[in-house]
Protein backbone atom coordinates (compact mmCIF):
# COMPACT_ATOMS: atom_id res chain seq x y z
CA UNK A 1 219.63 247.65 58.92
CA UNK A 2 220.12 251.41 59.28
CA UNK A 3 216.77 253.12 58.71
CA UNK A 4 215.78 256.74 58.11
CA UNK A 5 212.11 257.55 58.76
CA UNK A 6 210.77 260.85 57.37
CA UNK A 7 208.05 262.73 59.22
CA UNK A 8 207.12 264.26 62.55
CA UNK A 9 203.57 263.31 63.50
CA UNK A 10 201.62 260.67 65.35
CA UNK A 11 201.80 258.44 62.28
CA UNK A 12 205.59 258.54 62.35
CA UNK A 13 205.65 257.83 66.09
CA UNK A 14 203.54 254.72 65.31
CA UNK A 15 205.96 253.76 62.52
CA UNK A 16 208.91 254.11 64.89
CA UNK A 17 207.10 252.12 67.60
CA UNK A 18 206.58 249.24 65.15
CA UNK A 19 210.02 249.46 63.51
CA UNK A 20 211.95 249.10 66.78
CA UNK A 21 210.25 245.72 67.29
CA UNK A 22 212.03 244.39 64.18
CA UNK A 23 214.94 241.99 64.51
CA UNK A 24 216.42 243.53 61.37
CA UNK A 25 216.87 247.01 62.86
CA UNK A 26 220.35 248.29 63.69
CA UNK A 27 219.84 252.07 63.98
CA UNK A 28 216.72 254.18 63.56
CA UNK A 29 216.86 257.87 62.65
CA UNK A 30 213.81 260.11 62.33
CA UNK A 31 213.81 263.38 60.37
CA UNK A 32 212.70 265.60 61.95
CA UNK A 33 210.75 263.47 64.43
CA UNK A 34 209.14 264.56 67.68
CA UNK A 35 209.70 263.95 71.42
CA UNK A 36 207.88 260.62 71.12
CA UNK A 37 210.09 259.30 68.33
CA UNK A 38 213.17 260.51 70.26
CA UNK A 39 212.38 257.81 72.83
CA UNK A 40 212.73 255.14 70.13
CA UNK A 41 215.53 256.39 67.88
CA UNK A 42 217.60 259.46 67.07
CA UNK A 43 215.86 262.57 65.77
CA UNK A 44 217.77 264.53 63.14
CA UNK A 45 217.04 268.13 62.18
CA UNK A 46 216.41 267.68 58.46
CA UNK A 47 213.35 268.89 56.58
CA UNK A 48 211.37 266.21 54.77
CA UNK A 49 211.71 267.93 51.37
CA UNK A 50 215.42 268.75 51.61
CA UNK A 51 216.54 265.90 49.37
CA UNK A 52 220.18 267.03 49.23
CA UNK A 53 220.49 267.04 53.03
CA UNK A 54 218.73 263.68 53.20
CA UNK A 55 221.20 262.33 50.63
CA UNK A 56 224.19 263.61 52.60
CA UNK A 57 222.87 262.16 55.85
CA UNK A 58 222.28 258.79 54.20
CA UNK A 59 225.88 258.73 52.98
CA UNK A 60 227.34 259.60 56.38
CA UNK A 61 225.16 257.17 58.36
CA UNK A 62 225.21 254.40 55.74
CA UNK A 63 221.44 254.28 55.54
CA UNK A 64 219.99 251.12 54.00
CA UNK A 65 216.35 252.14 53.82
CA UNK A 66 214.27 255.33 53.78
CA UNK A 67 210.65 255.09 54.92
CA UNK A 68 208.52 258.03 53.83
CA UNK A 69 205.70 258.91 56.23
CA UNK A 70 203.96 261.97 54.67
CA UNK A 71 202.76 262.36 51.10
CA UNK A 72 204.56 265.59 50.22
CA UNK A 73 208.08 264.17 49.66
CA UNK A 74 206.57 261.45 47.47
CA UNK A 75 204.63 263.95 45.37
CA UNK A 76 207.86 265.96 45.10
CA UNK A 77 209.75 262.92 43.82
CA UNK A 78 211.99 261.61 46.58
CA UNK A 79 211.79 258.03 45.27
CA UNK A 80 212.89 259.16 41.80
CA UNK A 81 215.67 261.29 43.33
CA UNK A 82 217.27 258.21 44.87
CA UNK A 83 216.40 255.75 42.11
CA UNK A 84 217.90 257.93 39.37
CA UNK A 85 221.16 258.65 41.22
CA UNK A 86 223.73 255.93 40.63
CA UNK A 87 225.35 256.44 44.02
CA UNK A 88 222.03 256.28 45.87
CA UNK A 89 219.91 253.66 44.13
CA UNK A 90 221.09 250.92 46.48
CA UNK A 91 219.20 252.73 49.26
CA UNK A 92 215.69 251.32 49.33
CA UNK A 93 212.94 253.95 49.40
CA UNK A 94 209.57 252.75 50.66
CA UNK A 95 207.23 255.06 48.82
CA UNK A 96 205.66 255.63 45.42
CA UNK A 97 207.43 257.27 42.50
CA UNK A 98 206.52 260.84 41.60
CA UNK A 99 204.12 259.68 38.90
CA UNK A 100 202.59 257.06 41.20
CA UNK A 101 202.13 259.71 43.88
CA UNK A 102 199.76 261.55 41.52
CA UNK A 103 197.13 259.14 42.82
CA UNK A 104 197.05 261.47 45.81
CA UNK A 105 198.70 264.56 44.36
CA UNK A 106 196.02 265.06 41.69
CA UNK A 107 192.37 264.21 42.28
CA UNK A 108 191.75 264.56 38.52
CA UNK A 109 194.54 262.06 37.73
CA UNK A 110 193.15 259.63 40.28
CA UNK A 111 189.58 259.85 38.99
CA UNK A 112 190.69 259.43 35.38
CA UNK A 113 192.82 256.43 36.45
CA UNK A 114 189.82 254.84 38.17
CA UNK A 115 187.60 255.48 35.17
CA UNK A 116 190.10 253.90 32.77
CA UNK A 117 190.57 250.84 34.97
CA UNK A 118 186.85 250.33 35.75
CA UNK A 119 187.35 250.91 39.47
CA UNK A 120 184.07 251.78 41.21
CA UNK A 121 183.91 255.46 42.19
CA UNK A 122 181.50 258.38 42.13
CA UNK A 123 180.46 260.13 38.90
CA UNK A 124 182.59 263.26 38.39
CA UNK A 125 183.84 266.05 36.15
CA UNK A 126 186.81 268.41 36.49
CA UNK A 127 186.71 272.17 35.90
CA UNK A 128 189.08 275.13 35.64
CA UNK A 129 188.26 278.81 36.11
CA UNK A 130 187.85 279.20 32.34
CA UNK A 131 185.11 276.56 32.45
CA UNK A 132 183.37 277.74 35.62
CA UNK A 133 179.99 278.15 33.91
CA UNK A 134 180.14 274.54 32.77
CA UNK A 135 180.89 273.68 36.39
CA UNK A 136 177.75 275.51 37.50
CA UNK A 137 175.74 273.58 34.89
CA UNK A 138 177.18 270.25 36.05
CA UNK A 139 176.23 271.02 39.65
CA UNK A 140 172.65 271.51 38.46
CA UNK A 141 172.61 267.90 37.20
CA UNK A 142 173.48 266.50 40.65
CA UNK A 143 171.40 265.99 43.75
CA UNK A 144 172.54 267.54 47.06
CA UNK A 145 174.81 267.35 48.92
CA UNK A 146 177.59 268.40 46.54
CA UNK A 147 181.22 267.27 46.83
CA UNK A 148 183.96 269.64 45.60
CA UNK A 149 187.63 268.64 45.74
CA UNK A 150 190.73 270.70 45.09
CA UNK A 151 192.80 268.83 42.52
CA UNK A 152 196.12 269.17 44.37
CA UNK A 153 197.41 268.78 47.92
CA UNK A 154 195.68 271.16 50.31
CA UNK A 155 196.88 269.96 53.73
CA UNK A 156 193.79 267.79 54.19
CA UNK A 157 191.41 270.74 53.78
CA UNK A 158 190.69 270.60 50.06
CA UNK A 159 187.38 268.71 50.19
CA UNK A 160 184.20 270.71 50.73
CA UNK A 161 180.70 269.23 51.03
CA UNK A 162 177.86 271.70 50.38
CA UNK A 163 174.25 271.09 51.34
CA UNK A 164 172.62 273.36 48.74
CA UNK A 165 173.25 274.46 45.17
CA UNK A 166 173.94 278.12 45.97
CA UNK A 167 176.63 277.24 48.50
CA UNK A 168 178.11 274.78 46.01
CA UNK A 169 178.34 277.42 43.27
CA UNK A 170 179.86 279.96 45.67
CA UNK A 171 182.39 277.39 46.91
CA UNK A 172 183.33 276.40 43.35
CA UNK A 173 183.99 280.07 42.52
CA UNK A 174 186.05 280.58 45.69
CA UNK A 175 188.13 277.46 45.05
CA UNK A 176 188.85 278.25 41.41
CA UNK A 177 189.76 281.81 42.40
CA UNK A 178 192.47 280.64 44.77
CA UNK A 179 190.90 279.55 48.07
CA UNK A 180 193.43 276.71 48.27
CA UNK A 181 196.13 278.36 46.19
CA UNK A 182 197.55 276.34 43.32
CA UNK A 183 195.86 273.20 44.67
CA UNK A 184 192.44 274.42 43.48
CA UNK A 185 193.36 275.69 40.03
CA UNK A 186 191.36 272.64 39.01
CA UNK A 187 188.36 271.39 40.98
CA UNK A 188 186.77 267.96 40.82
CA UNK A 189 183.01 267.91 41.34
CA UNK A 190 181.54 264.51 42.11
CA UNK A 191 178.26 262.96 43.16
CA UNK A 192 177.73 262.32 46.85
CA UNK A 193 177.81 258.65 47.85
CA UNK A 194 175.51 257.50 50.64
CA UNK A 195 177.07 254.94 52.93
CA UNK A 196 179.62 254.51 55.70
CA UNK A 197 183.31 255.19 55.23
CA UNK A 198 186.20 252.85 55.88
CA UNK A 199 189.93 253.08 55.27
CA UNK A 200 191.80 250.09 53.87
CA UNK A 201 195.54 249.84 53.44
CA UNK A 202 197.71 247.99 50.98
CA UNK A 203 201.46 247.47 50.93
CA UNK A 204 202.73 246.56 47.47
CA UNK A 205 206.05 245.81 45.78
CA UNK A 206 204.45 246.69 42.45
CA UNK A 207 203.55 243.08 41.69
CA UNK A 208 202.09 241.43 44.78
CA UNK A 209 200.48 243.05 47.79
CA UNK A 210 199.54 242.59 51.42
CA UNK A 211 196.23 243.80 52.81
CA UNK A 212 196.74 245.40 56.22
CA UNK A 213 194.10 245.77 58.97
CA UNK A 214 191.28 248.15 58.08
CA UNK A 215 190.27 251.18 60.13
CA UNK A 216 187.58 253.83 60.40
CA UNK A 217 188.60 257.38 61.23
CA UNK A 218 186.62 260.37 62.46
CA UNK A 219 187.37 263.60 60.61
CA UNK A 220 184.93 266.10 62.12
CA UNK A 221 185.88 268.09 65.20
CA UNK A 222 182.59 267.57 67.08
CA UNK A 223 180.67 264.63 68.52
CA UNK A 224 178.09 263.24 66.13
CA UNK A 225 180.36 264.15 63.21
CA UNK A 226 179.52 267.84 63.53
CA UNK A 227 181.66 270.86 62.81
CA UNK A 228 184.77 271.46 60.75
CA UNK A 229 186.88 268.79 59.10
CA UNK A 230 190.16 268.02 60.84
CA UNK A 231 193.10 265.74 60.14
CA UNK A 232 191.29 263.09 62.17
CA UNK A 233 190.06 262.92 65.77
CA UNK A 234 190.27 259.18 66.30
CA UNK A 235 190.09 255.76 64.69
CA UNK A 236 188.98 252.19 65.36
CA UNK A 237 189.97 248.77 64.01
CA UNK A 238 188.53 246.30 63.10
CA UNK A 239 185.44 247.59 61.29
CA UNK A 240 182.46 245.29 61.67
CA UNK A 241 181.20 245.33 58.08
CA UNK A 242 184.62 244.58 56.56
CA UNK A 243 184.04 240.84 56.41
CA UNK A 244 185.63 238.31 54.07
CA UNK A 245 183.04 239.04 51.35
CA UNK A 246 183.67 242.80 51.46
CA UNK A 247 187.44 242.26 51.47
CA UNK A 248 187.17 239.98 48.44
CA UNK A 249 185.23 242.68 46.56
CA UNK A 250 187.85 245.29 47.49
CA UNK A 251 190.67 243.02 46.33
CA UNK A 252 189.04 241.99 43.05
CA UNK A 253 187.33 245.25 42.09
CA UNK A 254 189.80 247.82 43.43
CA UNK A 255 193.24 246.66 44.59
CA UNK A 256 194.10 244.28 41.78
CA UNK A 257 192.87 246.62 39.01
CA UNK A 258 194.81 249.45 40.66
CA UNK A 259 198.10 247.53 40.63
CA UNK A 260 197.42 246.27 37.09
CA UNK A 261 196.64 249.84 35.99
CA UNK A 262 199.90 251.14 37.46
CA UNK A 263 201.84 248.43 35.67
CA UNK A 264 200.04 249.15 32.40
CA UNK A 265 201.23 252.77 32.66
CA UNK A 266 204.74 251.53 33.62
CA UNK A 267 204.52 253.40 36.92
CA UNK A 268 207.00 252.27 39.56
CA UNK A 269 205.06 251.85 42.78
CA UNK A 270 206.67 250.33 45.88
CA UNK A 271 204.92 251.42 49.03
CA UNK A 272 201.52 252.00 50.60
CA UNK A 273 198.18 252.56 48.91
CA UNK A 274 195.52 254.01 51.20
CA UNK A 275 191.99 253.36 49.95
CA UNK A 276 189.37 255.75 51.28
CA UNK A 277 186.24 253.72 50.62
CA UNK A 278 182.50 254.15 50.94
CA UNK A 279 180.48 251.06 51.76
CA UNK A 280 177.24 251.56 49.80
CA UNK A 281 174.94 248.68 50.68
CA UNK A 282 177.83 246.24 50.84
CA UNK A 283 179.51 247.49 47.66
CA UNK A 284 182.87 249.32 47.92
CA UNK A 285 183.44 252.61 46.08
CA UNK A 286 186.69 254.57 46.10
CA UNK A 287 186.38 258.08 47.53
CA UNK A 288 190.09 258.76 47.30
CA UNK A 289 193.54 257.26 47.04
CA UNK A 290 196.37 258.27 49.33
CA UNK A 291 199.93 257.14 48.74
CA UNK A 292 200.89 256.74 52.40
CA UNK A 293 199.43 255.46 55.64
CA UNK A 294 196.67 257.51 57.23
CA UNK A 295 196.86 259.51 60.41
CA UNK A 296 195.38 258.63 62.92
CA UNK A 297 194.58 255.26 61.29
CA UNK A 298 198.21 254.11 61.50
CA UNK A 299 197.92 254.37 65.27
CA UNK A 300 195.35 251.51 65.25
CA UNK A 301 196.56 249.56 62.20
CA UNK A 302 200.15 248.94 63.31
CA UNK A 303 199.26 247.74 66.83
CA UNK A 304 197.05 245.07 65.18
CA UNK A 305 199.65 244.11 62.57
CA UNK A 306 201.29 240.76 63.31
CA UNK A 307 204.38 241.13 61.17
CA UNK A 308 207.97 242.35 61.22
CA UNK A 309 207.55 245.70 59.49
CA UNK A 310 211.13 245.91 58.24
CA UNK A 311 210.85 242.38 56.87
CA UNK A 312 207.79 243.48 54.91
CA UNK A 313 209.66 246.54 53.65
CA UNK A 314 212.56 244.32 52.59
CA UNK A 315 210.03 242.33 50.59
CA UNK A 316 208.85 245.55 48.95
CA UNK A 317 212.39 246.59 48.06
CA UNK A 318 213.36 243.17 46.66
CA UNK A 319 209.95 242.45 45.08
CA UNK A 320 209.55 239.36 47.28
CA UNK A 321 206.61 240.64 49.31
CA UNK A 322 204.54 237.58 48.41
CA UNK A 323 206.97 235.48 50.50
CA UNK A 324 206.57 237.53 53.67
CA UNK A 325 204.35 236.88 56.68
CA UNK A 326 201.62 239.43 57.32
CA UNK A 327 198.79 238.60 59.69
CA UNK A 328 196.41 240.50 61.96
CA UNK A 329 196.02 240.27 65.72
CA UNK A 330 192.51 239.41 66.90
CA UNK A 331 192.47 242.26 69.43
CA UNK A 332 190.61 245.49 68.73
CA UNK A 333 192.41 248.84 68.71
CA UNK A 334 191.11 252.37 69.16
CA UNK A 335 192.81 255.73 69.24
CA UNK A 336 191.37 258.98 70.56
CA UNK A 337 193.08 262.22 69.58
CA UNK A 338 193.65 264.87 72.23
CA UNK A 339 193.69 268.25 70.48
CA UNK A 340 194.44 271.82 71.39
CA UNK A 341 191.40 273.94 72.22
CA UNK A 342 190.34 275.88 69.12
CA UNK A 343 191.67 273.33 66.62
CA UNK A 344 191.24 273.19 63.62
CA UNK A 345 191.06 276.98 63.70
CA UNK A 346 193.17 279.18 65.98
CA UNK A 347 194.79 277.49 68.96
CA UNK A 348 197.63 278.19 71.38
CA UNK A 349 200.98 276.43 71.46
CA UNK A 350 203.55 276.00 74.20
CA UNK A 351 201.15 274.61 76.80
CA UNK A 352 202.71 272.16 79.25
CA UNK A 353 201.53 268.53 79.07
CA UNK A 354 201.46 266.36 82.18
CA UNK A 355 200.35 262.88 83.17
CA UNK A 356 201.46 260.84 80.16
CA UNK A 357 203.59 258.64 82.41
CA UNK A 358 200.45 257.67 84.38
CA UNK A 359 198.48 256.55 81.32
CA UNK A 360 200.16 253.15 81.21
CA UNK A 361 197.08 251.25 80.01
CA UNK A 362 197.52 252.83 76.59
CA UNK A 363 200.15 253.62 73.98
CA UNK A 364 200.56 257.38 73.77
CA UNK A 365 201.62 258.42 70.29
CA UNK A 366 202.87 261.99 70.22
CA UNK A 367 201.89 264.23 67.30
CA UNK A 368 201.98 267.97 68.03
CA UNK A 369 204.52 268.07 70.86
CA UNK A 370 207.87 269.66 71.62
CA UNK A 371 210.25 269.89 74.57
CA UNK A 372 211.14 273.32 75.97
CA UNK A 373 213.26 273.82 79.10
CA UNK A 374 212.94 270.10 79.77
CA UNK A 375 209.14 270.18 79.75
CA UNK A 376 206.82 268.51 77.25
CA UNK A 377 204.61 271.10 75.57
CA UNK A 378 202.01 271.36 72.82
CA UNK A 379 203.21 272.48 69.38
CA UNK A 380 200.30 271.59 67.11
CA UNK A 381 196.57 271.14 66.80
CA UNK A 382 196.47 267.39 67.18
CA UNK A 383 198.69 266.78 70.19
CA UNK A 384 198.39 263.14 71.27
CA UNK A 385 196.82 259.95 69.93
CA UNK A 386 195.84 257.71 72.85
CA UNK A 387 195.73 254.12 71.57
CA UNK A 388 194.48 251.06 73.42
CA UNK A 389 194.17 247.35 72.66
CA UNK A 390 191.53 245.04 74.14
CA UNK A 391 189.33 242.08 73.32
CA UNK A 392 186.54 244.37 72.12
CA UNK A 393 186.23 247.91 70.79
CA UNK A 394 184.14 248.82 73.87
CA UNK A 395 186.90 247.74 76.24
CA UNK A 396 189.60 249.42 74.17
CA UNK A 397 187.61 252.66 74.23
CA UNK A 398 187.23 252.39 77.99
CA UNK A 399 191.00 252.08 78.32
CA UNK A 400 191.71 255.08 76.12
CA UNK A 401 189.23 257.35 77.88
CA UNK A 402 190.58 256.18 81.26
CA UNK A 403 194.08 257.11 80.11
CA UNK A 404 192.95 260.50 78.82
CA UNK A 405 191.55 261.25 82.29
CA UNK A 406 195.13 261.01 83.60
CA UNK A 407 196.59 263.40 80.99
CA UNK A 408 196.32 267.14 81.26
CA UNK A 409 197.08 270.26 79.28
CA UNK A 410 195.11 273.49 79.29
CA UNK A 411 192.09 273.50 76.95
CA UNK A 412 192.64 269.86 75.97
CA UNK A 413 189.80 268.68 73.71
CA UNK A 414 188.76 265.23 72.50
CA UNK A 415 185.70 263.61 70.99
CA UNK A 416 183.66 261.44 73.33
CA UNK A 417 181.87 259.37 70.68
CA UNK A 418 184.71 257.66 68.83
CA UNK A 419 183.58 254.23 67.59
CA UNK A 420 179.94 254.63 68.56
CA UNK A 421 178.69 254.38 64.98
CA UNK A 422 180.55 251.09 64.53
CA UNK A 423 179.18 249.74 67.81
CA UNK A 424 175.65 250.65 66.66
CA UNK A 425 176.08 249.60 63.03
CA UNK A 426 173.33 247.43 61.59
CA UNK A 427 173.59 245.77 58.21
């Protein structure tokens, strides 16, 4: 099978790492990829939203399957682009249709979908600038803290949690007046849920589904979950409270109603559903849907996945997913993100990275890297995801931090408390 993988981050490096283990793989191409993916396949200089160039490349290289890593091409309709073109529809696209991608592309759509399908989620209302006074009044009915979400895609920065009513009203005004551009022309305000977060992942062919290993990620820049939100500073899997009872609730109350709701709306959905959940006293509530795998969660989910990934994707494309094997390794996995100093605000690029070759206890997934004059350098805020497997989360963490001690780039920053809340969790 000739495969084209779209994306350039640590998630896509993890995809490539898992794909090359498949017996069904003939050639792997990554657009645009990074230096890590270049070690596993051939990087091609094509932008993820340049559908015409992607189409031409697929024709030349006789691509059988496109795997979409990031959400943006899905929201922009890449699945529909191939499905609706007679010459291209034989190329399988693993990813939701444009309408299905609204589960992530529009917070208002997602919340209305959950409400209609009786999927447990926080109380909410949506407001535009014309209704800002009604938004202020709705905030007054809630207890702090206050959760405000830009309706559209905002590069992972569109959720703001405010501790007091004045900050919430100011933030609502800023968002509706363009803080996140077109993404915050509408703002969803919802009640704050008390609990502990977990990410769960579903692969579906639109009829049946496979539940993948769960993970918990760490979004804040600082230890103790302090400071600004980031794209994610680490992740662990498994998560202690995700037992068979919790999984059954998630399947019955969330996953199955979600797939039934998509079918009721005649939405074509063949790909991943990421469930951002809050465990509130043992009951799962949906915080958000994403229509792709998470990052850095993928870097701990795929190492624990006991399955041929391309075989699963073939099941998605042929709607035979229910016949495919999908199990989970017993080992624990952790990933710790090494970031550029200053991230998520201003940070420098072009800093040489050394020592990766010495960190052989771990899998080093590259995210924000580039090669210049033959030297590996930083090119982004989140630079590396250092993933380790072991019999326990404690031992996996020890491996990752030992590996990080062997890696060096100027102003390298990482959290030192990844997984500690899970280790200390009490029911």
